[in-house]
Amino acid sequence: MSSFGLKIIAIISMLIDHTAYALYGGFSFWNYLGRLAFPIFAFQIAQGYQHTSNLKKYFLRLFVFAILSQIPFSFFLYTITGEFLTLNIFFTLTLGLLSIFVFEKSPSKFLGFLFCAFCAFVASFLHMDYGYYGVLVIFLFYLFRDHKKIMVASFLLLTILRYIPVFFNTNFYYPNIILCICTCLAIIPILFYNGTRGKKMTYFFYLFYPCHLALLTLLCFFVAI
């Protein structure tokens, strides 16, 4: 499967997830399908670092779209949760890419790992979408890119660990087990990646995120009416 194919799966998953929130005003069965999206996007960032011809433009593109996407993201989030204080996924992707860059350029791998941990902390502290988990998934996909079994194991372990506080909570919410499983299932299409780019539609995928959020915010408004 090409990079293009993976991105199509990711945006369809994301669209189902966000549309379900817009229509139901909260969590529903359809949101399980939305768990496939982020790991695939994270994998694409790790691959993008290796294959981009201009890393500076790659950073800039991610950061610009993080800024452009924040207003539609905040309005969409507010219509669903009543909160404004989360930064959209492009910020997380940018920080994940930065952690890879610094790790590669660091004179000491220890300092590189330390900087990655710092980026994970920043992602959670600034309330970025997916927080520390988002940065670490991107980093692990890059770190173990040449060792598939370790990459799969580390991704599954990190995903399970993310849900462990829920598993041991006395007020356990059983759908979290299914959310965990569905997130782990994202590794399946990732393993079918064949290293090719496929059809080039870079800006379509970047623009899709803020545009679909803006349209879904309008949908939320009309549903509320």
N, C-alpha and C. Protein backbone atom coordinates (compact mmCIF):
# COMPACT_ATOMS: atom_id res chain seq x y z
N MET A 1 0.84 -1.19 0.00
CA MET A 1 0.00 0.00 0.00
C MET A 1 0.89 1.26 0.00
N SER A 2 0.53 2.22 -0.81
CA SER A 2 1.31 3.45 -0.91
C SER A 2 0.97 4.41 0.22
N SER A 3 1.78 5.46 0.32
CA SER A 3 1.51 6.52 1.30
C SER A 3 0.16 7.16 1.03
N PHE A 4 -0.18 7.33 -0.24
CA PHE A 4 -1.47 7.90 -0.62
C PHE A 4 -2.62 7.03 -0.09
N GLY A 5 -2.49 5.72 -0.24
CA GLY A 5 -3.54 4.82 0.24
C GLY A 5 -3.72 4.90 1.74
N LEU A 6 -2.61 4.97 2.47
CA LEU A 6 -2.68 5.10 3.92
C LEU A 6 -3.39 6.40 4.33
N LYS A 7 -3.05 7.48 3.65
CA LYS A 7 -3.66 8.76 3.97
C LYS A 7 -5.16 8.76 3.70
N ILE A 8 -5.58 8.07 2.64
CA ILE A 8 -7.02 7.97 2.35
C ILE A 8 -7.73 7.24 3.49
N ILE A 9 -7.16 6.14 3.96
CA ILE A 9 -7.76 5.41 5.09
C ILE A 9 -7.84 6.32 6.31
N ALA A 10 -6.77 7.09 6.55
CA ALA A 10 -6.72 7.95 7.74
C ALA A 10 -7.77 9.06 7.67
N ILE A 11 -7.92 9.71 6.53
CA ILE A 11 -8.88 10.83 6.48
C ILE A 11 -10.32 10.33 6.50
N ILE A 12 -10.56 9.13 5.93
CA ILE A 12 -11.92 8.56 6.02
C ILE A 12 -12.24 8.23 7.47
N SER A 13 -11.28 7.63 8.17
CA SER A 13 -11.46 7.32 9.59
C SER A 13 -11.71 8.59 10.39
N MET A 14 -10.90 9.61 10.14
CA MET A 14 -11.05 10.89 10.85
C MET A 14 -12.40 11.53 10.55
N LEU A 15 -12.82 11.47 9.29
CA LEU A 15 -14.10 12.07 8.90
C LEU A 15 -15.27 11.38 9.60
N ILE A 16 -15.23 10.06 9.66
CA ILE A 16 -16.27 9.30 10.36
C ILE A 16 -16.31 9.70 11.83
N ASP A 17 -15.13 9.78 12.44
CA ASP A 17 -15.01 10.13 13.85
C ASP A 17 -15.63 11.50 14.14
N HIS A 18 -15.19 12.50 13.39
CA HIS A 18 -15.65 13.87 13.65
C HIS A 18 -17.11 14.08 13.25
N THR A 19 -17.55 13.41 12.17
CA THR A 19 -18.95 13.54 11.76
C THR A 19 -19.87 12.93 12.81
N ALA A 20 -19.44 11.83 13.39
CA ALA A 20 -20.24 11.19 14.45
C ALA A 20 -20.41 12.13 15.64
N TYR A 21 -19.32 12.80 16.02
CA TYR A 21 -19.41 13.77 17.11
C TYR A 21 -20.37 14.89 16.76
N ALA A 22 -20.31 15.35 15.50
CA ALA A 22 -21.17 16.45 15.08
C ALA A 22 -22.65 16.05 15.09
N LEU A 23 -22.93 14.84 14.66
CA LEU A 23 -24.32 14.39 14.55
C LEU A 23 -24.92 13.98 15.90
N TYR A 24 -24.11 13.32 16.73
CA TYR A 24 -24.61 12.79 17.99
C TYR A 24 -24.30 13.67 19.19
N GLY A 25 -23.43 14.66 18.98
CA GLY A 25 -23.09 15.57 20.07
C GLY A 25 -22.27 14.94 21.17
N GLY A 26 -21.67 13.79 20.89
CA GLY A 26 -20.87 13.07 21.88
C GLY A 26 -20.42 11.75 21.33
N PHE A 27 -19.90 10.89 22.19
CA PHE A 27 -19.34 9.62 21.77
C PHE A 27 -20.43 8.67 21.27
N SER A 28 -20.11 7.92 20.21
CA SER A 28 -21.01 6.90 19.69
C SER A 28 -20.19 5.74 19.12
N PHE A 29 -20.86 4.74 18.64
CA PHE A 29 -20.19 3.57 18.07
C PHE A 29 -19.22 3.96 16.96
N TRP A 30 -19.59 4.95 16.15
CA TRP A 30 -18.79 5.33 14.99
C TRP A 30 -17.42 5.88 15.38
N ASN A 31 -17.29 6.36 16.59
CA ASN A 31 -16.00 6.92 17.02
C ASN A 31 -14.92 5.85 17.20
N TYR A 32 -15.34 4.59 17.33
CA TYR A 32 -14.35 3.52 17.37
C TYR A 32 -13.55 3.49 16.07
N LEU A 33 -14.25 3.69 14.95
CA LEU A 33 -13.59 3.66 13.65
C LEU A 33 -12.59 4.81 13.50
N GLY A 34 -12.82 5.87 14.24
CA GLY A 34 -11.94 7.03 14.15
C GLY A 34 -10.59 6.82 14.79
N ARG A 35 -10.42 5.71 15.55
CA ARG A 35 -9.14 5.48 16.22
C ARG A 35 -8.03 5.08 15.26
N LEU A 36 -8.39 4.74 14.03
CA LEU A 36 -7.36 4.34 13.06
C LEU A 36 -6.55 5.53 12.57
N ALA A 37 -7.13 6.71 12.62
CA ALA A 37 -6.55 7.87 11.93
C ALA A 37 -5.21 8.31 12.48
N PHE A 38 -5.13 8.60 13.78
CA PHE A 38 -3.91 9.22 14.28
C PHE A 38 -2.66 8.36 14.11
N PRO A 39 -2.67 7.07 14.46
CA PRO A 39 -1.44 6.28 14.26
C PRO A 39 -0.94 6.31 12.82
N ILE A 40 -1.87 6.33 11.87
CA ILE A 40 -1.46 6.38 10.46
C ILE A 40 -0.82 7.73 10.15
N PHE A 41 -1.42 8.82 10.64
CA PHE A 41 -0.81 10.13 10.43
C PHE A 41 0.56 10.21 11.11
N ALA A 42 0.68 9.62 12.28
CA ALA A 42 1.96 9.62 13.00
C ALA A 42 3.01 8.86 12.19
N PHE A 43 2.63 7.73 11.64
CA PHE A 43 3.54 6.94 10.81
C PHE A 43 3.97 7.75 9.59
N GLN A 44 3.05 8.49 9.01
CA GLN A 44 3.37 9.30 7.84
C GLN A 44 4.38 10.40 8.16
N ILE A 45 4.32 10.96 9.36
CA ILE A 45 5.30 11.96 9.78
C ILE A 45 6.69 11.34 9.87
N ALA A 46 6.76 10.16 10.46
CA ALA A 46 8.04 9.46 10.58
C ALA A 46 8.62 9.14 9.20
N GLN A 47 7.74 8.73 8.29
CA GLN A 47 8.19 8.45 6.93
C GLN A 47 8.54 9.74 6.19
N GLY A 48 7.76 10.77 6.44
CA GLY A 48 7.99 12.05 5.78
C GLY A 48 9.35 12.63 6.11
N TYR A 49 9.79 12.44 7.35
CA TYR A 49 11.11 12.95 7.75
C TYR A 49 12.20 12.30 6.89
N GLN A 50 12.04 11.03 6.60
CA GLN A 50 13.06 10.32 5.82
C GLN A 50 13.04 10.69 4.34
N HIS A 51 11.86 10.96 3.82
CA HIS A 51 11.73 11.09 2.37
C HIS A 51 11.57 12.52 1.87
N THR A 52 11.34 13.48 2.75
CA THR A 52 11.16 14.84 2.28
C THR A 52 12.44 15.38 1.63
N SER A 53 12.26 16.16 0.58
CA SER A 53 13.42 16.76 -0.09
C SER A 53 13.80 18.10 0.53
N ASN A 54 12.90 18.64 1.36
CA ASN A 54 13.16 19.94 1.99
C ASN A 54 12.54 19.93 3.38
N LEU A 55 13.34 19.60 4.38
CA LEU A 55 12.84 19.47 5.75
C LEU A 55 12.31 20.80 6.28
N LYS A 56 12.97 21.89 5.92
CA LYS A 56 12.55 23.21 6.39
C LYS A 56 11.13 23.52 5.91
N LYS A 57 10.84 23.23 4.63
CA LYS A 57 9.50 23.47 4.10
C LYS A 57 8.48 22.54 4.75
N TYR A 58 8.91 21.33 5.06
CA TYR A 58 8.03 20.37 5.72
C TYR A 58 7.61 20.88 7.10
N PHE A 59 8.59 21.35 7.87
CA PHE A 59 8.30 21.95 9.17
C PHE A 59 7.34 23.13 9.02
N LEU A 60 7.68 24.01 8.09
CA LEU A 60 6.91 25.24 7.92
C LEU A 60 5.47 24.93 7.51
N ARG A 61 5.30 23.96 6.61
CA ARG A 61 3.96 23.59 6.15
C ARG A 61 3.12 23.06 7.30
N LEU A 62 3.70 22.19 8.11
CA LEU A 62 2.97 21.65 9.27
C LEU A 62 2.59 22.76 10.24
N PHE A 63 3.53 23.66 10.52
CA PHE A 63 3.27 24.71 11.49
C PHE A 63 2.24 25.72 10.98
N VAL A 64 2.33 26.08 9.70
CA VAL A 64 1.35 27.01 9.12
C VAL A 64 -0.05 26.44 9.19
N PHE A 65 -0.18 25.16 8.86
CA PHE A 65 -1.51 24.54 8.92
C PHE A 65 -1.98 24.32 10.36
N ALA A 66 -1.04 24.21 11.29
CA ALA A 66 -1.43 24.17 12.71
C ALA A 66 -2.10 25.49 13.10
N ILE A 67 -1.51 26.58 12.66
CA ILE A 67 -2.08 27.91 12.96
C ILE A 67 -3.42 28.09 12.26
N LEU A 68 -3.48 27.74 10.97
CA LEU A 68 -4.70 27.93 10.19
C LEU A 68 -5.85 27.04 10.69
N SER A 69 -5.50 25.88 11.22
CA SER A 69 -6.53 24.92 11.64
C SER A 69 -7.07 25.19 13.03
N GLN A 70 -6.39 26.03 13.80
CA GLN A 70 -6.77 26.18 15.20
C GLN A 70 -8.15 26.79 15.38
N ILE A 71 -8.49 27.79 14.58
CA ILE A 71 -9.81 28.43 14.74
C ILE A 71 -10.94 27.44 14.43
N PRO A 72 -10.95 26.77 13.25
CA PRO A 72 -12.02 25.78 13.03
C PRO A 72 -12.00 24.64 14.04
N PHE A 73 -10.80 24.22 14.47
CA PHE A 73 -10.70 23.16 15.46
C PHE A 73 -11.31 23.59 16.79
N SER A 74 -11.00 24.81 17.21
CA SER A 74 -11.50 25.30 18.50
C SER A 74 -13.02 25.44 18.49
N PHE A 75 -13.55 25.96 17.39
CA PHE A 75 -15.00 26.11 17.30
C PHE A 75 -15.69 24.75 17.28
N PHE A 76 -15.09 23.79 16.55
CA PHE A 76 -15.67 22.45 16.52
C PHE A 76 -15.63 21.81 17.90
N LEU A 77 -14.48 21.93 18.56
CA LEU A 77 -14.33 21.37 19.90
C LEU A 77 -15.32 22.00 20.87
N TYR A 78 -15.52 23.29 20.76
CA TYR A 78 -16.43 23.98 21.66
C TYR A 78 -17.87 23.50 21.48
N THR A 79 -18.26 23.25 20.22
CA THR A 79 -19.63 22.80 19.98
C THR A 79 -19.88 21.41 20.56
N ILE A 80 -18.80 20.62 20.68
CA ILE A 80 -18.94 19.24 21.19
C ILE A 80 -18.74 19.16 22.69
N THR A 81 -17.70 19.84 23.20
CA THR A 81 -17.32 19.68 24.60
C THR A 81 -17.48 20.94 25.45
N GLY A 82 -17.64 22.09 24.78
CA GLY A 82 -17.72 23.34 25.51
C GLY A 82 -16.35 23.87 25.92
N GLU A 83 -15.28 23.30 25.38
CA GLU A 83 -13.92 23.72 25.72
C GLU A 83 -13.21 24.29 24.50
N PHE A 84 -12.26 25.20 24.78
CA PHE A 84 -11.46 25.82 23.73
C PHE A 84 -9.97 25.48 23.84
N LEU A 85 -9.57 24.89 24.95
CA LEU A 85 -8.18 24.92 25.35
C LEU A 85 -7.31 23.75 24.86
N THR A 86 -7.65 23.17 23.73
CA THR A 86 -6.83 22.11 23.15
C THR A 86 -6.25 22.59 21.83
N LEU A 87 -4.97 22.28 21.61
CA LEU A 87 -4.33 22.61 20.34
C LEU A 87 -4.52 21.46 19.36
N ASN A 88 -4.74 21.80 18.10
CA ASN A 88 -5.08 20.78 17.11
C ASN A 88 -3.92 19.84 16.78
N ILE A 89 -4.23 18.80 16.05
CA ILE A 89 -3.30 17.71 15.81
C ILE A 89 -2.05 18.14 15.03
N PHE A 90 -2.14 19.20 14.24
CA PHE A 90 -0.97 19.66 13.50
C PHE A 90 0.15 20.12 14.44
N PHE A 91 -0.22 20.68 15.57
CA PHE A 91 0.80 21.06 16.56
C PHE A 91 1.53 19.81 17.08
N THR A 92 0.77 18.76 17.33
CA THR A 92 1.35 17.50 17.80
C THR A 92 2.28 16.91 16.75
N LEU A 93 1.83 16.92 15.49
CA LEU A 93 2.64 16.38 14.41
C LEU A 93 3.93 17.18 14.23
N THR A 94 3.82 18.50 14.35
CA THR A 94 5.01 19.36 14.23
C THR A 94 6.01 19.07 15.35
N LEU A 95 5.50 18.92 16.56
CA LEU A 95 6.37 18.64 17.70
C LEU A 95 7.01 17.26 17.58
N GLY A 96 6.25 16.30 17.06
CA GLY A 96 6.80 14.97 16.84
C GLY A 96 7.93 14.99 15.82
N LEU A 97 7.73 15.76 14.75
CA LEU A 97 8.77 15.90 13.73
C LEU A 97 10.01 16.58 14.32
N LEU A 98 9.80 17.57 15.16
CA LEU A 98 10.91 18.27 15.80
C LEU A 98 11.69 17.32 16.70
N SER A 99 11.00 16.44 17.40
CA SER A 99 11.70 15.50 18.29
C SER A 99 12.60 14.57 17.49
N ILE A 100 12.15 14.16 16.30
CA ILE A 100 12.98 13.32 15.44
C ILE A 100 14.20 14.09 14.96
N PHE A 101 13.98 15.32 14.52
CA PHE A 101 15.07 16.14 13.99
C PHE A 101 16.16 16.36 15.04
N VAL A 102 15.75 16.74 16.25
CA VAL A 102 16.74 17.00 17.30
C VAL A 102 17.45 15.71 17.70
N PHE A 103 16.72 14.61 17.75
CA PHE A 103 17.33 13.32 18.08
C PHE A 103 18.43 12.98 17.08
N GLU A 104 18.14 13.19 15.79
CA GLU A 104 19.11 12.87 14.75
C GLU A 104 20.32 13.80 14.78
N LYS A 105 20.12 15.05 15.15
CA LYS A 105 21.20 16.03 15.14
C LYS A 105 21.94 16.12 16.47
N SER A 106 21.41 15.49 17.48
CA SER A 106 22.00 15.59 18.82
C SER A 106 23.35 14.88 18.88
N PRO A 107 24.35 15.48 19.54
CA PRO A 107 25.66 14.84 19.68
C PRO A 107 25.62 13.62 20.60
N SER A 108 24.55 13.52 21.37
CA SER A 108 24.39 12.40 22.30
C SER A 108 22.98 11.83 22.17
N LYS A 109 22.86 10.53 22.01
CA LYS A 109 21.55 9.91 21.92
C LYS A 109 20.76 10.09 23.21
N PHE A 110 21.48 10.14 24.33
CA PHE A 110 20.81 10.39 25.61
C PHE A 110 20.12 11.74 25.58
N LEU A 111 20.81 12.76 25.08
CA LEU A 111 20.22 14.09 24.98
C LEU A 111 19.05 14.08 24.00
N GLY A 112 19.18 13.28 22.94
CA GLY A 112 18.10 13.17 21.97
C GLY A 112 16.85 12.57 22.60
N PHE A 113 17.02 11.49 23.38
CA PHE A 113 15.89 10.88 24.08
C PHE A 113 15.30 11.85 25.11
N LEU A 114 16.18 12.59 25.76
CA LEU A 114 15.73 13.55 26.76
C LEU A 114 14.88 14.64 26.12
N PHE A 115 15.31 15.10 24.94
CA PHE A 115 14.54 16.13 24.24
C PHE A 115 13.18 15.58 23.79
N CYS A 116 13.16 14.32 23.36
CA CYS A 116 11.89 13.70 22.98
C CYS A 116 10.93 13.66 24.17
N ALA A 117 11.47 13.29 25.33
CA ALA A 117 10.65 13.26 26.55
C ALA A 117 10.14 14.66 26.88
N PHE A 118 10.99 15.66 26.66
CA PHE A 118 10.57 17.05 26.89
C PHE A 118 9.45 17.44 25.94
N CYS A 119 9.57 17.06 24.67
CA CYS A 119 8.51 17.35 23.70
C CYS A 119 7.20 16.68 24.10
N ALA A 120 7.29 15.46 24.60
CA ALA A 120 6.09 14.75 25.06
C ALA A 120 5.44 15.49 26.22
N PHE A 121 6.29 15.99 27.13
CA PHE A 121 5.78 16.77 28.26
C PHE A 121 5.10 18.05 27.77
N VAL A 122 5.73 18.74 26.85
CA VAL A 122 5.18 19.99 26.30
C VAL A 122 3.83 19.73 25.64
N ALA A 123 3.74 18.63 24.88
CA ALA A 123 2.49 18.29 24.20
C ALA A 123 1.33 18.13 25.19
N SER A 124 1.61 17.50 26.31
CA SER A 124 0.57 17.33 27.34
C SER A 124 0.31 18.63 28.09
N PHE A 125 1.38 19.35 28.43
CA PHE A 125 1.25 20.59 29.19
C PHE A 125 0.45 21.63 28.43
N LEU A 126 0.65 21.70 27.11
CA LEU A 126 -0.05 22.68 26.27
C LEU A 126 -1.37 22.15 25.73
N HIS A 127 -1.77 20.98 26.20
CA HIS A 127 -3.06 20.38 25.80
C HIS A 127 -3.16 20.20 24.28
N MET A 128 -2.10 19.64 23.69
CA MET A 128 -2.16 19.31 22.28
C MET A 128 -2.97 18.02 22.11
N ASP A 129 -3.64 17.90 20.99
CA ASP A 129 -4.42 16.71 20.71
C ASP A 129 -3.52 15.47 20.76
N TYR A 130 -3.91 14.48 21.51
CA TYR A 130 -3.19 13.23 21.76
C TYR A 130 -1.99 13.40 22.69
N GLY A 131 -1.64 14.61 23.06
CA GLY A 131 -0.66 14.87 24.10
C GLY A 131 0.66 14.11 23.96
N TYR A 132 1.17 13.64 25.10
CA TYR A 132 2.46 12.93 25.13
C TYR A 132 2.44 11.71 24.23
N TYR A 133 1.30 11.02 24.19
CA TYR A 133 1.16 9.81 23.38
C TYR A 133 1.43 10.10 21.91
N GLY A 134 0.90 11.22 21.43
CA GLY A 134 1.07 11.57 20.02
C GLY A 134 2.53 11.74 19.64
N VAL A 135 3.28 12.46 20.45
CA VAL A 135 4.70 12.70 20.17
C VAL A 135 5.48 11.39 20.24
N LEU A 136 5.22 10.58 21.26
CA LEU A 136 5.97 9.33 21.44
C LEU A 136 5.69 8.33 20.33
N VAL A 137 4.46 8.27 19.85
CA VAL A 137 4.14 7.35 18.75
C VAL A 137 4.91 7.73 17.49
N ILE A 138 4.93 9.01 17.18
CA ILE A 138 5.70 9.49 16.02
C ILE A 138 7.17 9.11 16.16
N PHE A 139 7.72 9.38 17.33
CA PHE A 139 9.14 9.12 17.58
C PHE A 139 9.45 7.63 17.47
N LEU A 140 8.61 6.77 18.05
CA LEU A 140 8.85 5.33 18.01
C LEU A 140 8.74 4.77 16.60
N PHE A 141 7.80 5.31 15.82
CA PHE A 141 7.68 4.86 14.43
C PHE A 141 8.95 5.18 13.65
N TYR A 142 9.60 6.29 14.00
CA TYR A 142 10.85 6.63 13.33
C TYR A 142 12.02 5.82 13.88
N LEU A 143 12.10 5.74 15.19
CA LEU A 143 13.23 5.08 15.84
C LEU A 143 13.36 3.62 15.41
N PHE A 144 12.25 2.93 15.28
CA PHE A 144 12.26 1.50 14.94
C PHE A 144 11.81 1.23 13.51
N ARG A 145 12.01 2.18 12.64
CA ARG A 145 11.55 2.09 11.25
C ARG A 145 12.15 0.90 10.50
N ASP A 146 13.35 0.49 10.91
CA ASP A 146 14.02 -0.64 10.23
C ASP A 146 13.86 -1.95 10.99
N HIS A 147 13.05 -1.93 12.02
CA HIS A 147 12.84 -3.13 12.84
C HIS A 147 11.33 -3.28 13.08
N LYS A 148 10.65 -3.89 12.13
CA LYS A 148 9.18 -3.92 12.14
C LYS A 148 8.60 -4.56 13.40
N LYS A 149 9.20 -5.67 13.84
CA LYS A 149 8.65 -6.36 15.01
C LYS A 149 8.74 -5.48 16.25
N ILE A 150 9.87 -4.79 16.40
CA ILE A 150 10.03 -3.90 17.55
C ILE A 150 9.11 -2.70 17.42
N MET A 151 8.96 -2.19 16.19
CA MET A 151 8.06 -1.06 15.96
C MET A 151 6.63 -1.42 16.35
N VAL A 152 6.18 -2.59 15.91
CA VAL A 152 4.82 -3.03 16.23
C VAL A 152 4.66 -3.21 17.74
N ALA A 153 5.62 -3.90 18.36
CA ALA A 153 5.54 -4.16 19.80
C ALA A 153 5.54 -2.87 20.61
N SER A 154 6.39 -1.92 20.23
CA SER A 154 6.47 -0.66 20.98
C SER A 154 5.20 0.15 20.81
N PHE A 155 4.63 0.15 19.61
CA PHE A 155 3.38 0.86 19.38
C PHE A 155 2.25 0.26 20.19
N LEU A 156 2.13 -1.07 20.17
CA LEU A 156 1.06 -1.73 20.91
C LEU A 156 1.23 -1.51 22.41
N LEU A 157 2.47 -1.61 22.90
CA LEU A 157 2.72 -1.43 24.33
C LEU A 157 2.38 -0.01 24.76
N LEU A 158 2.82 0.98 23.99
CA LEU A 158 2.54 2.37 24.34
C LEU A 158 1.04 2.64 24.32
N THR A 159 0.34 2.07 23.35
CA THR A 159 -1.11 2.27 23.26
C THR A 159 -1.82 1.63 24.44
N ILE A 160 -1.41 0.44 24.82
CA ILE A 160 -2.01 -0.23 25.98
C ILE A 160 -1.72 0.55 27.26
N LEU A 161 -0.47 1.01 27.41
CA LEU A 161 -0.10 1.78 28.60
C LEU A 161 -0.91 3.06 28.72
N ARG A 162 -1.27 3.61 27.58
CA ARG A 162 -2.07 4.84 27.59
C ARG A 162 -3.43 4.61 28.26
N TYR A 163 -3.94 3.38 28.14
CA TYR A 163 -5.26 3.07 28.68
C TYR A 163 -5.22 2.40 30.04
N ILE A 164 -4.02 2.05 30.53
CA ILE A 164 -3.93 1.35 31.81
C ILE A 164 -4.57 2.12 32.97
N PRO A 165 -4.35 3.46 33.09
CA PRO A 165 -5.03 4.17 34.20
C PRO A 165 -6.54 3.99 34.17
N VAL A 166 -7.08 3.83 32.95
CA VAL A 166 -8.52 3.60 32.83
C VAL A 166 -8.87 2.20 33.27
N PHE A 167 -8.02 1.23 32.89
CA PHE A 167 -8.30 -0.17 33.24
C PHE A 167 -8.36 -0.38 34.75
N PHE A 168 -7.56 0.39 35.50
CA PHE A 168 -7.51 0.21 36.95
C PHE A 168 -8.38 1.20 37.71
N ASN A 169 -9.15 1.96 36.97
CA ASN A 169 -10.04 2.93 37.60
C ASN A 169 -11.27 2.20 38.14
N THR A 170 -11.65 2.54 39.36
CA THR A 170 -12.83 1.87 39.95
C THR A 170 -14.10 2.25 39.21
N ASN A 171 -14.10 3.42 38.55
CA ASN A 171 -15.24 3.83 37.75
C ASN A 171 -14.98 3.48 36.29
N PHE A 172 -14.61 2.23 36.04
CA PHE A 172 -14.17 1.79 34.73
C PHE A 172 -15.26 1.99 33.68
N TYR A 173 -14.79 2.49 32.53
CA TYR A 173 -15.69 2.75 31.40
C TYR A 173 -15.32 1.76 30.30
N TYR A 174 -16.09 0.66 30.16
CA TYR A 174 -15.67 -0.46 29.33
C TYR A 174 -15.38 -0.12 27.87
N PRO A 175 -16.02 0.90 27.24
CA PRO A 175 -15.67 1.19 25.84
C PRO A 175 -14.21 1.52 25.64
N ASN A 176 -13.49 1.89 26.69
CA ASN A 176 -12.08 2.21 26.53
C ASN A 176 -11.25 0.99 26.09
N ILE A 177 -11.69 -0.19 26.46
CA ILE A 177 -11.00 -1.39 25.98
C ILE A 177 -11.14 -1.48 24.46
N ILE A 178 -12.35 -1.21 23.97
CA ILE A 178 -12.59 -1.27 22.53
C ILE A 178 -11.82 -0.15 21.83
N LEU A 179 -11.78 1.03 22.45
CA LEU A 179 -11.00 2.13 21.88
C LEU A 179 -9.53 1.75 21.76
N CYS A 180 -9.02 1.11 22.78
CA CYS A 180 -7.63 0.66 22.78
C CYS A 180 -7.39 -0.35 21.66
N ILE A 181 -8.28 -1.31 21.54
CA ILE A 181 -8.15 -2.34 20.50
C ILE A 181 -8.20 -1.71 19.11
N CYS A 182 -9.15 -0.80 18.91
CA CYS A 182 -9.31 -0.16 17.60
C CYS A 182 -8.09 0.69 17.24
N THR A 183 -7.50 1.34 18.25
CA THR A 183 -6.28 2.10 18.01
C THR A 183 -5.15 1.17 17.60
N CYS A 184 -5.05 0.05 18.29
CA CYS A 184 -4.01 -0.94 17.96
C CYS A 184 -4.18 -1.49 16.55
N LEU A 185 -5.41 -1.59 16.08
CA LEU A 185 -5.67 -2.15 14.75
C LEU A 185 -5.11 -1.29 13.63
N ALA A 186 -4.77 -0.03 13.94
CA ALA A 186 -4.19 0.85 12.93
C ALA A 186 -2.87 0.31 12.41
N ILE A 187 -2.23 -0.56 13.18
CA ILE A 187 -0.94 -1.10 12.76
C ILE A 187 -1.08 -2.00 11.54
N ILE A 188 -2.28 -2.53 11.30
CA ILE A 188 -2.47 -3.46 10.18
C ILE A 188 -2.26 -2.78 8.83
N PRO A 189 -2.99 -1.67 8.52
CA PRO A 189 -2.70 -1.01 7.24
C PRO A 189 -1.28 -0.46 7.17
N ILE A 190 -0.74 -0.03 8.31
CA ILE A 190 0.63 0.47 8.33
C ILE A 190 1.62 -0.61 7.88
N LEU A 191 1.39 -1.84 8.29
CA LEU A 191 2.28 -2.94 7.92
C LEU A 191 2.20 -3.28 6.42
N PHE A 192 1.12 -2.84 5.77
CA PHE A 192 0.98 -3.07 4.33
C PHE A 192 1.64 -1.96 3.50
N TYR A 193 2.21 -0.98 4.18
CA TYR A 193 2.90 0.11 3.47
C TYR A 193 4.09 -0.45 2.69
N ASN A 194 4.18 -0.09 1.41
CA ASN A 194 5.22 -0.65 0.55
C ASN A 194 6.36 0.31 0.23
N GLY A 195 6.37 1.47 0.89
CA GLY A 195 7.47 2.40 0.70
C GLY A 195 7.30 3.35 -0.46
N THR A 196 6.18 3.27 -1.19
CA THR A 196 5.96 4.15 -2.33
C THR A 196 5.06 5.32 -1.93
N ARG A 197 5.17 6.42 -2.67
CA ARG A 197 4.36 7.60 -2.36
C ARG A 197 2.96 7.51 -2.93
N GLY A 198 2.82 6.96 -4.13
CA GLY A 198 1.52 6.92 -4.78
C GLY A 198 1.16 8.27 -5.34
N LYS A 199 -0.11 8.52 -5.53
CA LYS A 199 -0.58 9.78 -6.11
C LYS A 199 -0.22 10.96 -5.22
N LYS A 200 0.28 12.02 -5.82
CA LYS A 200 0.70 13.18 -5.06
C LYS A 200 -0.44 14.19 -4.96
N MET A 201 -0.98 14.32 -3.74
CA MET A 201 -2.04 15.30 -3.47
C MET A 201 -1.79 15.92 -2.10
N THR A 202 -0.57 16.40 -1.91
CA THR A 202 -0.12 16.87 -0.59
C THR A 202 -1.06 17.88 0.03
N TYR A 203 -1.38 18.94 -0.69
CA TYR A 203 -2.17 20.01 -0.10
C TYR A 203 -3.63 19.64 0.10
N PHE A 204 -4.10 18.64 -0.64
CA PHE A 204 -5.47 18.16 -0.41
C PHE A 204 -5.59 17.64 1.02
N PHE A 205 -4.62 16.83 1.45
CA PHE A 205 -4.67 16.24 2.78
C PHE A 205 -4.49 17.30 3.88
N TYR A 206 -3.67 18.29 3.61
CA TYR A 206 -3.48 19.36 4.58
C TYR A 206 -4.73 20.22 4.69
N LEU A 207 -5.33 20.56 3.57
CA LEU A 207 -6.51 21.42 3.57
C LEU A 207 -7.76 20.70 4.07
N PHE A 208 -7.78 19.39 3.89
CA PHE A 208 -8.95 18.63 4.30
C PHE A 208 -9.26 18.82 5.78
N TYR A 209 -8.22 18.86 6.59
CA TYR A 209 -8.41 18.94 8.05
C TYR A 209 -9.16 20.20 8.48
N PRO A 210 -8.67 21.41 8.20
CA PRO A 210 -9.42 22.59 8.64
C PRO A 210 -10.75 22.75 7.92
N CYS A 211 -10.80 22.36 6.65
CA CYS A 211 -12.05 22.54 5.88
C CYS A 211 -13.16 21.64 6.40
N HIS A 212 -12.85 20.39 6.69
CA HIS A 212 -13.92 19.50 7.16
C HIS A 212 -14.37 19.89 8.57
N LEU A 213 -13.45 20.43 9.38
CA LEU A 213 -13.83 20.88 10.71
C LEU A 213 -14.76 22.09 10.64
N ALA A 214 -14.47 23.00 9.71
CA ALA A 214 -15.32 24.18 9.54
C ALA A 214 -16.72 23.77 9.08
N LEU A 215 -16.79 22.84 8.15
CA LEU A 215 -18.10 22.38 7.64
C LEU A 215 -18.88 21.63 8.72
N LEU A 216 -18.18 20.82 9.51
CA LEU A 216 -18.85 20.08 10.57
C LEU A 216 -19.32 20.99 11.70
N THR A 217 -18.60 22.09 11.93
CA THR A 217 -19.05 23.06 12.92
C THR A 217 -20.37 23.68 12.49
N LEU A 218 -20.48 23.98 11.20
CA LEU A 218 -21.74 24.50 10.66
C LEU A 218 -22.84 23.45 10.79
N LEU A 219 -22.49 22.19 10.55
CA LEU A 219 -23.47 21.11 10.70
C LEU A 219 -23.96 21.04 12.14
N CYS A 220 -23.03 21.15 13.09
CA CYS A 220 -23.41 21.13 14.51
C CYS A 220 -24.41 22.26 14.80
N PHE A 221 -24.15 23.42 14.22
CA PHE A 221 -25.01 24.58 14.45
C PHE A 221 -26.42 24.31 13.94
N PHE A 222 -26.52 23.75 12.73
CA PHE A 222 -27.84 23.49 12.15
C PHE A 222 -28.56 22.35 12.86
N VAL A 223 -27.80 21.35 13.32
CA VAL A 223 -28.41 20.24 14.08
C VAL A 223 -28.98 20.77 15.39
N ALA A 224 -28.24 21.71 16.00
CA ALA A 224 -28.70 22.29 17.26
C ALA A 224 -29.97 23.09 17.07
N ILE A 225 -30.09 23.73 15.92
CA ILE A 225 -31.32 24.49 15.62
C ILE A 225 -32.50 23.56 15.44
